[in-house]
C-alpha atoms as a PDB file:
ATOM      1  CA  MET A   1       4.821 -32.473  44.387  1.00  0.00           C
ATOM      2  CA  GLN A   2       7.391 -32.213  41.510  1.00  0.00           C
ATOM      3  CA  PRO A   3       7.091 -29.235  38.598  1.00  0.00           C
ATOM      4  CA  ASP A   4       5.887 -31.727  34.857  1.00  0.00           C
ATOM      5  CA  LEU A   5       9.142 -30.513  33.419  1.00  0.00           C
ATOM      6  CA  HIS A   6       8.132 -32.076  30.713  1.00  0.00           C
ATOM      7  CA  THR A   7       4.610 -30.235  29.731  1.00  0.00           C
ATOM      8  CA  GLY A   8       7.108 -27.342  30.581  1.00  0.00           C
ATOM      9  CA  ALA A   9       9.968 -28.035  28.135  1.00  0.00           C
ATOM     10  CA  THR A  10       6.869 -28.916  25.372  1.00  0.00           C
ATOM     11  CA  TYR A  11       5.449 -25.779  26.000  1.00  0.00           C
ATOM     12  CA  SER A  12       8.789 -23.486  24.849  1.00  0.00           C
ATOM     13  CA  ALA A  13       9.410 -25.592  21.946  1.00  0.00           C
ATOM     14  CA  GLY A  14       5.764 -23.947  21.002  1.00  0.00           C
ATOM     15  CA  THR A  15       6.033 -21.410  21.502  1.00  0.00           C
ATOM     16  CA  THR A  16       9.337 -20.754  20.021  1.00  0.00           C
ATOM     17  CA  ASP A  17       8.151 -22.652  16.467  1.00  0.00           C
ATOM     18  CA  ILE A  18       4.961 -19.512  16.776  1.00  0.00           C
ATOM     19  CA  ALA A  19       7.620 -17.375  16.879  1.00  0.00           C
ATOM     20  CA  ALA A  20       9.874 -18.782  14.568  1.00  0.00           C
ATOM     21  CA  GLN A  21       7.207 -18.526  12.058  1.00  0.00           C
ATOM     22  CA  GLN A  22       5.837 -15.285  12.836  1.00  0.00           C
ATOM     23  CA  ASN A  23       8.856 -13.621  12.394  1.00  0.00           C
ATOM     24  CA  LYS A  24       9.497 -15.976   9.108  1.00  0.00           C
ATOM     25  CA  VAL A  25       6.133 -14.481   7.148  1.00  0.00           C
ATOM     26  CA  LEU A  26       7.342 -10.679   8.153  1.00  0.00           C
ATOM     27  CA  ARG A  27      10.640 -11.808   6.950  1.00  0.00           C
ATOM     28  CA  ASN A  28       8.904 -12.338   3.452  1.00  0.00           C
ATOM     29  CA  THR A  29       6.723  -9.780   4.020  1.00  0.00           C
ATOM     30  CA  TYR A  30       9.537  -7.198   3.579  1.00  0.00           C
ATOM     31  CA  LEU A  31      10.926  -9.606   1.079  1.00  0.00           C
ATOM     32  CA  LEU A  32       8.728  -9.586  -1.309  1.00  0.00           C
ATOM     33  CA  LEU A  33       7.512  -5.714  -0.834  1.00  0.00           C
ATOM     34  CA  ALA A  34      10.938  -4.691  -1.558  1.00  0.00           C
ATOM     35  CA  ILE A  35      10.698  -6.669  -4.644  1.00  0.00           C
ATOM     36  CA  SER A  36       7.477  -5.254  -5.622  1.00  0.00           C
ATOM     37  CA  LEU A  37       9.355  -1.852  -6.118  1.00  0.00           C
ATOM     38  CA  ILE A  38      11.168  -3.369  -9.127  1.00  0.00           C
ATOM     39  CA  PRO A  39       8.479  -3.979 -11.304  1.00  0.00           C
ATOM     40  CA  THR A  40       6.518  -0.414 -10.065  1.00  0.00           C
ATOM     41  CA  VAL A  41       9.481   1.661 -10.935  1.00  0.00           C
ATOM     42  CA  ILE A  42       9.527  -0.204 -14.377  1.00  0.00           C
ATOM     43  CA  GLY A  43       6.298   0.456 -15.363  1.00  0.00           C
ATOM     44  CA  ALA A  44       6.539   4.369 -13.793  1.00  0.00           C
ATOM     45  CA  ALA A  45       9.598   4.886 -16.329  1.00  0.00           C
ATOM     46  CA  VAL A  46       7.755   3.257 -19.599  1.00  0.00           C
ATOM     47  CA  GLY A  47       4.291   5.233 -18.472  1.00  0.00           C
ATOM     48  CA  THR A  48       5.896   8.776 -18.308  1.00  0.00           C
ATOM     49  CA  ASN A  49       8.520   8.569 -21.001  1.00  0.00           C
ATOM     50  CA  LEU A  50       6.600   6.156 -23.038  1.00  0.00           C
ATOM     51  CA  ILE A  51       2.945   6.724 -23.121  1.00  0.00           C
ATOM     52  CA  ASN A  52       0.445   9.722 -23.811  1.00  0.00           C
ATOM     53  CA  PHE A  53      -2.135   9.520 -21.604  1.00  0.00           C
ATOM     54  CA  SER A  54      -4.387  11.740 -23.404  1.00  0.00           C
ATOM     55  CA  PHE A  55      -7.264   8.888 -24.131  1.00  0.00           C
ATOM     56  CA  MET A  56      -7.626   9.038 -20.596  1.00  0.00           C
ATOM     57  CA  ARG A  57      -8.250  12.639 -20.070  1.00  0.00           C
ATOM     58  CA  ALA A  58     -10.523  12.874 -23.082  1.00  0.00           C
ATOM     59  CA  SER A  59     -12.687  10.383 -20.977  1.00  0.00           C
ATOM     60  CA  PRO A  60     -11.263  11.079 -17.131  1.00  0.00           C
ATOM     61  CA  ILE A  61     -14.974   9.212 -15.755  1.00  0.00           C
ATOM     62  CA  MET A  62     -14.962   6.116 -17.878  1.00  0.00           C
ATOM     63  CA  SER A  63     -10.741   5.441 -17.282  1.00  0.00           C
ATOM     64  CA  VAL A  64     -11.118   5.696 -13.800  1.00  0.00           C
ATOM     65  CA  LEU A  65     -14.424   3.104 -13.642  1.00  0.00           C
ATOM     66  CA  VAL A  66     -12.274   0.513 -15.869  1.00  0.00           C
ATOM     67  CA  MET A  67      -9.094   1.244 -13.917  1.00  0.00           C
ATOM     68  CA  LEU A  68     -11.204   0.436 -10.265  1.00  0.00           C
ATOM     69  CA  ALA A  69     -12.898  -2.640 -11.784  1.00  0.00           C
ATOM     70  CA  VAL A  70      -9.489  -3.730 -13.040  1.00  0.00           C
ATOM     71  CA  PHE A  71      -7.951  -3.002  -9.982  1.00  0.00           C
ATOM     72  CA  TYR A  72     -10.251  -4.668  -8.137  1.00  0.00           C
ATOM     73  CA  GLY A  73     -10.727  -7.466 -10.141  1.00  0.00           C
ATOM     74  CA  TRP A  74      -6.413  -7.949  -9.973  1.00  0.00           C
ATOM     75  CA  ILE A  75      -6.655  -8.026  -6.351  1.00  0.00           C
ATOM     76  CA  TYR A  76      -9.428 -10.435  -5.983  1.00  0.00           C
ATOM     77  CA  ALA A  77      -7.393 -12.899  -8.075  1.00  0.00           C
ATOM     78  CA  ILE A  78      -4.481 -12.026  -6.046  1.00  0.00           C
ATOM     79  CA  GLU A  79      -6.123 -13.067  -2.778  1.00  0.00           C
ATOM     80  CA  LYS A  80      -7.465 -16.699  -4.600  1.00  0.00           C
ATOM     81  CA  ASN A  81      -4.221 -17.376  -5.508  1.00  0.00           C
ATOM     82  CA  ARG A  82      -1.913 -16.484  -3.118  1.00  0.00           C
ATOM     83  CA  ASP A  83      -0.864 -19.797  -1.866  1.00  0.00           C
ATOM     84  CA  SER A  84       0.430 -20.217  -4.648  1.00  0.00           C
ATOM     85  CA  VAL A  85       3.434 -18.831  -6.553  1.00  0.00           C
ATOM     86  CA  LEU A  86       0.694 -18.138  -9.423  1.00  0.00           C
ATOM     87  CA  GLY A  87      -0.276 -15.711  -6.593  1.00  0.00           C
ATOM     88  CA  VAL A  88       3.057 -14.050  -6.193  1.00  0.00           C
ATOM     89  CA  GLY A  89       3.487 -13.332  -9.953  1.00  0.00           C
ATOM     90  CA  LEU A  90       0.174 -11.860 -10.232  1.00  0.00           C
ATOM     91  CA  LEU A  91       1.085  -9.583  -7.360  1.00  0.00           C
ATOM     92  CA  LEU A  92       4.634  -8.645  -9.027  1.00  0.00           C
ATOM     93  CA  GLY A  93       1.880  -8.048 -12.271  1.00  0.00           C
ATOM     94  CA  PHE A  94      -0.052  -6.469 -10.715  1.00  0.00           C
ATOM     95  CA  THR A  95       2.735  -3.614  -8.827  1.00  0.00           C
ATOM     96  CA  ALA A  96       4.432  -3.211 -12.763  1.00  0.00           C
ATOM     97  CA  PHE A  97       0.031  -2.273 -13.529  1.00  0.00           C
ATOM     98  CA  LEU A  98       0.114   0.311 -10.994  1.00  0.00           C
ATOM     99  CA  GLY A  99       3.421   1.879 -12.085  1.00  0.00           C
ATOM    100  CA  LEU A 100       1.961   2.771 -15.370  1.00  0.00           C
ATOM    101  CA  MET A 101      -1.182   3.765 -13.512  1.00  0.00           C
ATOM    102  CA  MET A 102       0.969   5.855 -11.739  1.00  0.00           C
ATOM    103  CA  ALA A 103       2.909   7.678 -15.314  1.00  0.00           C
ATOM    104  CA  PRO A 104       0.259  10.601 -15.488  1.00  0.00           C
ATOM    105  CA  LEU A 105       0.613  11.853 -11.675  1.00  0.00           C
ATOM    106  CA  LEU A 106       4.629  11.690 -12.729  1.00  0.00           C
ATOM    107  CA  GLN A 107       3.840  13.524 -15.489  1.00  0.00           C
ATOM    108  CA  SER A 108       2.731  15.900 -14.292  1.00  0.00           C
ATOM    109  CA  ILE A 109       4.466  16.551 -11.704  1.00  0.00           C
ATOM    110  CA  LEU A 110       7.198  15.878 -13.884  1.00  0.00           C
ATOM    111  CA  SER A 111       6.356  19.120 -15.821  1.00  0.00           C
ATOM    112  CA  LEU A 112       7.033  20.912 -12.811  1.00  0.00           C
ATOM    113  CA  ARG A 113      10.144  23.191 -12.399  1.00  0.00           C
ATOM    114  CA  ASN A 114      10.832  21.346  -9.129  1.00  0.00           C
ATOM    115  CA  GLY A 115       9.001  17.998 -10.112  1.00  0.00           C
ATOM    116  CA  GLY A 116      12.543  16.142  -9.123  1.00  0.00           C
ATOM    117  CA  GLN A 117      12.514  17.189  -6.146  1.00  0.00           C
ATOM    118  CA  LEU A 118       8.844  16.379  -5.630  1.00  0.00           C
ATOM    119  CA  VAL A 119       8.850  13.715  -6.145  1.00  0.00           C
ATOM    120  CA  MET A 120      11.861  12.110  -4.075  1.00  0.00           C
ATOM    121  CA  MET A 121      10.277  14.452  -0.819  1.00  0.00           C
ATOM    122  CA  ALA A 122       7.414  12.583  -1.601  1.00  0.00           C
ATOM    123  CA  ALA A 123       9.610   9.446  -1.969  1.00  0.00           C
ATOM    124  CA  GLY A 124      11.223  10.406   1.751  1.00  0.00           C
ATOM    125  CA  GLY A 125       8.219  10.447   3.284  1.00  0.00           C
ATOM    126  CA  THR A 126       6.529   7.614   2.626  1.00  0.00           C
ATOM    127  CA  ALA A 127       9.517   5.594   3.577  1.00  0.00           C
ATOM    128  CA  ALA A 128       9.781   7.467   6.585  1.00  0.00           C
ATOM    129  CA  VAL A 129       6.265   6.910   7.618  1.00  0.00           C
ATOM    130  CA  PHE A 130       6.792   2.820   6.524  1.00  0.00           C
ATOM    131  CA  PHE A 131       9.746   3.077   9.115  1.00  0.00           C
ATOM    132  CA  VAL A 132       8.159   3.860  11.756  1.00  0.00           C
ATOM    133  CA  LEU A 133       5.109   2.693  11.585  1.00  0.00           C
ATOM    134  CA  SER A 134       6.594  -0.966  10.878  1.00  0.00           C
ATOM    135  CA  GLY A 135       9.100  -0.198  14.040  1.00  0.00           C
ATOM    136  CA  ILE A 136       5.797   0.649  16.295  1.00  0.00           C
ATOM    137  CA  ALA A 137       3.581  -1.760  15.013  1.00  0.00           C
ATOM    138  CA  SER A 138       6.567  -4.654  15.332  1.00  0.00           C
ATOM    139  CA  THR A 139       7.997  -3.899  18.861  1.00  0.00           C
ATOM    140  CA  THR A 140       4.918  -2.548  20.851  1.00  0.00           C
ATOM    141  CA  LYS A 141       2.867  -4.465  23.182  1.00  0.00           C
ATOM    142  CA  ARG A 142      -0.585  -3.019  22.185  1.00  0.00           C
ATOM    143  CA  ASP A 143      -2.598  -5.402  20.165  1.00  0.00           C
ATOM    144  CA  PHE A 144      -3.801  -2.954  17.307  1.00  0.00           C
ATOM    145  CA  SER A 145      -6.805  -5.615  16.244  1.00  0.00           C
ATOM    146  CA  PHE A 146      -9.720  -2.686  17.692  1.00  0.00           C
ATOM    147  CA  LEU A 147      -8.853  -0.884  13.836  1.00  0.00           C
ATOM    148  CA  ASN A 148     -10.334  -3.239  12.299  1.00  0.00           C
ATOM    149  CA  LYS A 149     -13.901  -1.589  12.227  1.00  0.00           C
ATOM    150  CA  PHE A 150     -12.341   2.130  12.045  1.00  0.00           C
ATOM    151  CA  LEU A 151     -10.575   0.477   8.946  1.00  0.00           C
ATOM    152  CA  LEU A 152     -13.670  -0.958   7.706  1.00  0.00           C
ATOM    153  CA  VAL A 153     -15.538   2.484   7.542  1.00  0.00           C
ATOM    154  CA  GLY A 154     -13.353   4.439   7.150  1.00  0.00           C
ATOM    155  CA  PHE A 155     -12.445   2.346   3.838  1.00  0.00           C
ATOM    156  CA  VAL A 156     -16.027   2.706   3.021  1.00  0.00           C
ATOM    157  CA  VAL A 157     -16.716   6.500   3.434  1.00  0.00           C
ATOM    158  CA  ILE A 158     -13.292   6.688   1.055  1.00  0.00           C
ATOM    159  CA  MET A 159     -14.982   4.802  -1.460  1.00  0.00           C
ATOM    160  CA  LEU A 160     -17.824   6.926  -1.817  1.00  0.00           C
ATOM    161  CA  ALA A 161     -15.854   9.895  -1.084  1.00  0.00           C
ATOM    162  CA  VAL A 162     -13.558   8.931  -4.712  1.00  0.00           C
ATOM    163  CA  LEU A 163     -17.039   7.851  -6.224  1.00  0.00           C
ATOM    164  CA  ALA A 164     -18.190  10.769  -5.660  1.00  0.00           C
ATOM    165  CA  ASN A 165     -14.970  12.960  -6.704  1.00  0.00           C
ATOM    166  CA  ILE A 166     -15.338  11.369 -10.003  1.00  0.00           C
ATOM    167  CA  PHE A 167     -18.208  13.222 -10.775  1.00  0.00           C
ATOM    168  CA  LEU A 168     -17.862  16.471  -8.881  1.00  0.00           C
ATOM    169  CA  GLN A 169     -13.891  17.069  -9.999  1.00  0.00           C
ATOM    170  CA  SER A 170     -13.348  19.039  -6.801  1.00  0.00           C
ATOM    171  CA  PRO A 171      -9.561  20.758  -5.974  1.00  0.00           C
ATOM    172  CA  VAL A 172     -11.045  20.592  -2.045  1.00  0.00           C
ATOM    173  CA  LEU A 173     -12.387  17.296  -2.622  1.00  0.00           C
ATOM    174  CA  GLN A 174      -9.540  15.920  -3.788  1.00  0.00           C
ATOM    175  CA  LEU A 175      -7.486  17.580  -1.111  1.00  0.00           C
ATOM    176  CA  THR A 176      -9.190  16.257   1.294  1.00  0.00           C
ATOM    177  CA  LEU A 177      -8.956  12.399  -0.090  1.00  0.00           C
ATOM    178  CA  CYS A 178      -5.396  13.187   0.028  1.00  0.00           C
ATOM    179  CA  ALA A 179      -5.310  13.431   3.252  1.00  0.00           C
ATOM    180  CA  ALA A 180      -7.872  11.026   4.245  1.00  0.00           C
ATOM    181  CA  PHE A 181      -5.823   8.362   2.066  1.00  0.00           C
ATOM    182  CA  ILE A 182      -2.392   9.123   4.393  1.00  0.00           C
ATOM    183  CA  ILE A 183      -3.831   8.557   7.290  1.00  0.00           C
ATOM    184  CA  PHE A 184      -6.219   5.795   6.400  1.00  0.00           C
ATOM    185  CA  SER A 185      -2.814   3.587   4.743  1.00  0.00           C
ATOM    186  CA  SER A 186      -1.197   4.718   7.245  1.00  0.00           C
ATOM    187  CA  ALA A 187      -3.472   3.005   9.849  1.00  0.00           C
ATOM    188  CA  ILE A 188      -3.777  -0.191   7.501  1.00  0.00           C
ATOM    189  CA  ILE A 189       0.464  -0.616   8.094  1.00  0.00           C
ATOM    190  CA  LEU A 190      -0.183  -0.061  11.499  1.00  0.00           C
ATOM    191  CA  TRP A 191      -2.710  -2.634  11.674  1.00  0.00           C
ATOM    192  CA  GLN A 192      -1.564  -5.072   8.918  1.00  0.00           C
ATOM    193  CA  ILE A 193       2.266  -5.783  10.244  1.00  0.00           C
ATOM    194  CA  ASN A 194       0.782  -5.816  13.913  1.00  0.00           C
ATOM    195  CA  SER A 195      -0.811  -8.639  13.064  1.00  0.00           C
ATOM    196  CA  ILE A 196       1.544 -10.683  11.400  1.00  0.00           C
ATOM    197  CA  VAL A 197       3.585 -10.099  14.297  1.00  0.00           C
ATOM    198  CA  ARG A 198       0.975 -11.140  16.888  1.00  0.00           C
ATOM    199  CA  GLY A 199      -0.098 -14.208  14.758  1.00  0.00           C
ATOM    200  CA  GLY A 200      -2.753 -12.882  12.511  1.00  0.00           C
ATOM    201  CA  GLU A 201      -1.561 -12.773   9.539  1.00  0.00           C
ATOM    202  CA  THR A 202       0.063 -16.236   8.551  1.00  0.00           C
ATOM    203  CA  ASN A 203       0.177 -15.181   4.088  1.00  0.00           C
ATOM    204  CA  TYR A 204       2.832 -13.067   3.356  1.00  0.00           C
ATOM    205  CA  VAL A 205       1.422 -12.224  -0.339  1.00  0.00           C
ATOM    206  CA  SER A 206      -1.643 -10.842   1.214  1.00  0.00           C
ATOM    207  CA  ALA A 207       0.340  -9.053   3.720  1.00  0.00           C
ATOM    208  CA  THR A 208       2.352  -7.844   0.990  1.00  0.00           C
ATOM    209  CA  LEU A 209      -0.831  -6.830  -1.354  1.00  0.00           C
ATOM    210  CA  THR A 210      -1.508  -4.732   1.513  1.00  0.00           C
ATOM    211  CA  LEU A 211       1.033  -3.097   2.343  1.00  0.00           C
ATOM    212  CA  TYR A 212       1.901  -2.272  -1.280  1.00  0.00           C
ATOM    213  CA  VAL A 213      -1.627  -0.378  -1.749  1.00  0.00           C
ATOM    214  CA  SER A 214      -0.564   1.333   1.809  1.00  0.00           C
ATOM    215  CA  LEU A 215       2.403   2.836   0.114  1.00  0.00           C
ATOM    216  CA  TYR A 216       1.567   3.407  -3.288  1.00  0.00           C
ATOM    217  CA  ASN A 217      -1.595   5.454  -1.375  1.00  0.00           C
ATOM    218  CA  ILE A 218       0.640   7.491   0.650  1.00  0.00           C
ATOM    219  CA  PHE A 219       3.018   8.130  -1.925  1.00  0.00           C
ATOM    220  CA  THR A 220       0.881   9.489  -4.520  1.00  0.00           C
ATOM    221  CA  SER A 221      -1.275  11.303  -2.332  1.00  0.00           C
ATOM    222  CA  LEU A 222       1.880  12.860  -0.670  1.00  0.00           C
ATOM    223  CA  LEU A 223       2.907  13.645  -4.155  1.00  0.00           C
ATOM    224  CA  GLN A 224      -0.420  15.857  -5.561  1.00  0.00           C
ATOM    225  CA  LEU A 225      -0.498  17.173  -2.219  1.00  0.00           C
ATOM    226  CA  LEU A 226       3.337  19.003  -2.603  1.00  0.00           C
ATOM    227  CA  GLY A 227       2.187  19.283  -6.474  1.00  0.00           C
ATOM    228  CA  ILE A 228      -0.821  21.239  -5.267  1.00  0.00           C
ATOM    229  CA  MET A 229       1.156  23.348  -2.428  1.00  0.00           C
ATOM    230  CA  GLY A 230       4.628  23.586  -3.129  1.00  0.00           C
ATOM    231  CA  GLY A 231       4.926  23.146  -7.528  1.00  0.00           C
ATOM    232  CA  ASP A 232       7.443  25.962  -8.644  1.00  0.00           C
ATOM    233  CA  ARG A 233       5.203  26.552 -11.847  1.00  0.00           C
ATOM    234  CA  ASP A 234       7.150  28.649 -15.011  1.00  0.00           C
END
Protein backbone atom coordinates (compact mmCIF):
# COMPACT_ATOMS: atom_id res chain seq x y z
CA MET A 1 0.00 0.00 0.00
CA GLN A 2 1.54 3.31 -1.08
CA PRO A 3 1.12 6.60 0.82
CA ASP A 4 -1.08 9.27 -0.69
CA LEU A 5 1.57 11.84 -1.47
CA HIS A 6 -0.93 14.21 -3.06
CA THR A 7 -3.05 14.37 0.12
CA GLY A 8 0.04 14.91 2.21
CA ALA A 9 1.20 17.77 0.02
CA THR A 10 -2.26 19.39 0.15
CA TYR A 11 -2.31 19.13 3.95
CA SER A 12 1.16 20.65 4.19
CA ALA A 13 0.21 23.52 1.89
CA GLY A 14 -2.99 24.14 3.87
CA THR A 15 -1.08 24.21 7.16
CA THR A 16 1.45 26.62 5.68
CA ASP A 17 -1.34 28.93 4.48
CA ILE A 18 -2.93 28.98 7.93
CA ALA A 19 0.40 29.75 9.59
CA ALA A 20 1.05 32.54 7.09
CA GLN A 21 -2.38 34.04 7.78
CA GLN A 22 -1.81 33.94 11.54
CA ASN A 23 1.59 35.60 11.15
CA LYS A 24 0.02 38.28 8.95
CA VAL A 25 -2.64 39.07 11.56
CA LEU A 26 0.02 39.24 14.29
CA ARG A 27 2.29 41.44 12.17
CA ASN A 28 -0.54 43.83 11.23
CA THR A 29 -1.65 43.97 14.88
CA TYR A 30 1.81 44.95 16.08
CA LEU A 31 2.14 47.55 13.30
CA LEU A 32 -1.24 49.15 14.00
CA LEU A 33 -0.54 49.07 17.74
CA ALA A 34 2.71 50.97 17.18
CA ILE A 35 0.96 53.51 14.92
CA SER A 36 -1.81 53.98 17.51
CA LEU A 37 0.73 55.32 19.99
CA ILE A 38 1.29 58.39 17.80
CA PRO A 39 -2.21 59.93 18.22
CA THR A 40 -2.07 58.90 21.88
CA VAL A 41 1.08 60.97 22.44
CA ILE A 42 -0.38 63.89 20.46
CA GLY A 43 -3.63 63.80 22.44
CA ALA A 44 -1.76 63.57 25.75
CA ALA A 45 0.54 66.48 24.81
CA VAL A 46 -2.36 68.70 23.74
CA GLY A 47 -4.39 67.87 26.84
CA THR A 48 -1.50 68.28 29.26
CA ASN A 49 -0.28 71.61 27.89
CA LEU A 50 -3.34 73.34 26.49
CA ILE A 51 -6.47 72.20 28.35
CA ASN A 52 -7.67 73.09 31.84
CA PHE A 53 -9.56 70.10 33.24
CA SER A 54 -10.93 71.91 36.27
CA PHE A 55 -14.46 71.41 34.89
CA MET A 56 -14.00 67.66 35.39
CA ARG A 57 -12.92 68.11 38.98
CA ALA A 58 -15.99 70.29 39.58
CA SER A 59 -18.27 67.39 38.69
CA PRO A 60 -16.18 64.19 38.95
CA ILE A 61 -19.06 61.69 39.04
CA MET A 62 -20.76 63.06 35.93
CA SER A 63 -17.40 63.38 34.15
CA VAL A 64 -16.51 59.73 34.77
CA LEU A 65 -19.96 58.50 33.71
CA VAL A 66 -19.82 60.52 30.48
CA MET A 67 -16.30 59.28 29.76
CA LEU A 68 -17.36 55.65 30.29
CA ALA A 69 -20.32 56.13 27.94
CA VAL A 70 -18.07 57.64 25.23
CA PHE A 71 -15.43 54.94 25.85
CA TYR A 72 -17.74 51.96 25.35
CA GLY A 73 -19.74 53.66 22.61
CA TRP A 74 -16.54 54.26 20.66
CA ILE A 75 -15.43 50.65 21.18
CA TYR A 76 -18.79 49.47 19.85
CA ALA A 77 -18.37 51.65 16.73
CA ILE A 78 -14.87 50.27 16.11
CA GLU A 79 -16.05 46.67 16.40
CA LYS A 80 -18.99 47.32 14.07
CA ASN A 81 -16.58 48.64 11.41
CA ARG A 82 -13.57 46.43 12.12
CA ASP A 83 -13.53 45.00 8.58
CA SER A 84 -13.25 48.39 6.88
CA VAL A 85 -10.89 51.34 6.67
CA LEU A 86 -13.38 53.26 8.81
CA GLY A 87 -12.61 50.87 11.66
CA VAL A 88 -8.91 51.79 11.49
CA GLY A 89 -9.79 55.50 11.45
CA LEU A 90 -12.12 55.11 14.42
CA LEU A 91 -9.41 53.20 16.29
CA LEU A 92 -6.82 55.94 15.74
CA GLY A 93 -9.36 58.59 16.80
CA PHE A 94 -10.09 56.52 19.90
CA THR A 95 -6.41 56.41 20.84
CA ALA A 96 -6.17 60.19 20.45
CA PHE A 97 -9.21 60.57 22.70
CA LEU A 98 -7.69 58.32 25.38
CA GLY A 99 -4.45 60.28 25.16
CA LEU A 100 -6.45 63.43 25.80
CA MET A 101 -8.25 61.80 28.74
CA MET A 102 -4.89 60.80 30.21
CA ALA A 103 -3.91 64.46 30.49
CA PRO A 104 -5.34 65.18 33.99
CA LEU A 105 -3.31 62.28 35.41
CA LEU A 106 -0.19 63.47 33.59
CA GLN A 107 -0.72 67.02 34.84
CA SER A 108 -0.92 65.72 38.39
CA ILE A 109 2.17 63.52 38.05
CA LEU A 110 4.26 66.13 36.23
CA SER A 111 3.55 68.62 39.00
CA LEU A 112 5.76 66.44 41.22
CA ARG A 113 9.49 67.13 41.32
CA ASN A 114 10.25 63.66 39.96
CA GLY A 115 7.19 63.55 37.71
CA GLY A 116 9.11 63.12 34.46
CA GLN A 117 11.04 60.21 35.93
CA LEU A 118 7.82 58.55 37.10
CA VAL A 119 6.31 58.82 33.60
CA MET A 120 9.41 57.20 32.10
CA MET A 121 9.32 54.43 34.71
CA ALA A 122 5.66 53.72 34.01
CA ALA A 123 6.32 53.67 30.25
CA GLY A 124 9.32 51.37 30.68
CA GLY A 125 7.40 49.06 32.99
CA THR A 126 4.49 48.86 30.55
CA ALA A 127 6.83 48.06 27.64
CA ALA A 128 8.60 45.38 29.69
CA VAL A 129 5.32 43.72 30.65
CA PHE A 130 4.16 43.72 27.02
CA PHE A 131 7.36 42.29 25.55
CA VAL A 132 7.63 39.54 28.17
CA LEU A 133 3.98 38.50 27.86
CA SER A 134 3.95 38.70 24.06
CA GLY A 135 7.07 36.53 23.96
CA ILE A 136 5.46 33.93 26.20
CA ALA A 137 2.12 33.98 24.37
CA SER A 138 3.64 33.68 20.89
CA THR A 139 6.15 30.92 21.63
CA THR A 140 4.49 28.64 24.17
CA LYS A 141 2.64 25.52 23.10
CA ARG A 142 0.07 26.09 25.83
CA ASP A 143 -3.43 27.21 24.91
CA PHE A 144 -4.54 30.15 27.07
CA SER A 145 -8.18 29.98 25.99
CA PHE A 146 -8.97 28.68 29.49
CA LEU A 147 -8.58 32.31 30.65
CA ASN A 148 -11.92 33.21 29.00
CA LYS A 149 -14.03 32.61 32.12
CA PHE A 150 -11.50 34.26 34.41
CA LEU A 151 -11.39 37.35 32.20
CA LEU A 152 -15.18 37.60 32.00
CA VAL A 153 -15.59 37.35 35.78
CA GLY A 154 -12.66 39.72 36.32
CA PHE A 155 -14.17 42.30 33.96
CA VAL A 156 -17.52 42.27 35.78
CA VAL A 157 -15.90 42.52 39.22
CA ILE A 158 -13.57 45.35 38.20
CA MET A 159 -16.34 47.33 36.52
CA LEU A 160 -18.55 47.02 39.59
CA ALA A 161 -15.64 48.23 41.73
CA VAL A 162 -15.01 51.15 39.34
CA LEU A 163 -18.65 52.21 39.52
CA ALA A 164 -18.64 51.86 43.31
CA ASN A 165 -15.52 54.00 43.64
CA ILE A 166 -17.06 56.77 41.55
CA PHE A 167 -19.30 57.41 44.55
CA LEU A 168 -17.07 56.18 47.41
CA GLN A 169 -13.86 57.94 46.29
CA SER A 170 -11.85 55.53 48.48
CA PRO A 171 -8.02 55.81 48.23
CA VAL A 172 -7.65 52.19 49.37
CA LEU A 173 -10.11 50.94 46.75
CA GLN A 174 -8.35 53.06 44.11
CA LEU A 175 -5.01 51.41 44.94
CA THR A 176 -6.66 47.99 44.78
CA LEU A 177 -8.19 48.84 41.41
CA CYS A 178 -4.81 49.90 40.01
CA ALA A 179 -3.29 46.56 41.01
CA ALA A 180 -6.33 44.68 39.67
CA PHE A 181 -6.15 46.52 36.32
CA ILE A 182 -2.48 45.59 35.94
CA ILE A 183 -3.11 41.90 36.62
CA PHE A 184 -6.28 41.77 34.52
CA SER A 185 -4.77 43.64 31.57
CA SER A 186 -1.66 41.43 31.65
CA ALA A 187 -3.88 38.36 31.42
CA ILE A 188 -5.73 39.97 28.48
CA ILE A 189 -2.45 40.51 26.60
CA LEU A 190 -1.42 36.90 27.19
CA TRP A 191 -4.81 35.61 26.05
CA GLN A 192 -5.15 37.90 23.00
CA ILE A 193 -1.72 37.28 21.48
CA ASN A 194 -2.02 33.54 22.12
CA SER A 195 -5.41 33.63 20.42
CA ILE A 196 -3.90 35.28 17.32
CA VAL A 197 -1.08 32.75 17.14
CA ARG A 198 -3.53 29.86 17.43
CA GLY A 199 -5.92 31.30 14.84
CA GLY A 200 -8.69 32.19 17.26
CA GLU A 201 -8.49 35.90 16.38
CA THR A 202 -8.34 36.78 12.69
CA ASN A 203 -9.13 40.51 12.74
CA TYR A 204 -6.16 42.75 13.48
CA VAL A 205 -8.32 45.82 14.24
CA SER A 206 -10.13 44.00 17.06
CA ALA A 207 -6.85 42.53 18.30
CA THR A 208 -5.16 45.94 18.29
CA LEU A 209 -8.06 47.50 20.17
CA THR A 210 -7.87 44.86 22.89
CA LEU A 211 -4.10 45.13 23.27
CA TYR A 212 -4.15 48.94 23.19
CA VAL A 213 -6.73 49.24 25.96
CA SER A 214 -4.77 46.72 28.04
CA LEU A 215 -1.52 48.66 27.62
CA TYR A 216 -3.32 51.92 28.40
CA ASN A 217 -4.72 50.47 31.61
CA ILE A 218 -1.33 49.09 32.67
CA PHE A 219 0.43 52.40 32.00
CA THR A 220 -2.11 54.60 33.78
CA SER A 221 -2.36 52.18 36.71
CA LEU A 222 1.43 52.01 37.10
CA LEU A 223 1.60 55.80 36.87
CA GLN A 224 -0.97 56.20 39.64
CA LEU A 225 0.82 53.70 41.88
CA LEU A 226 4.18 55.32 41.30
CA GLY A 227 2.72 58.77 41.94
CA ILE A 228 1.19 57.66 45.23
CA MET A 229 4.13 55.63 46.51
CA GLY A 230 7.11 57.34 44.93
CA GLY A 231 5.99 60.90 44.22
CA ASP A 232 8.42 63.58 45.41
CA ARG A 233 6.21 66.40 46.62
CA ASP A 234 7.49 69.82 47.58
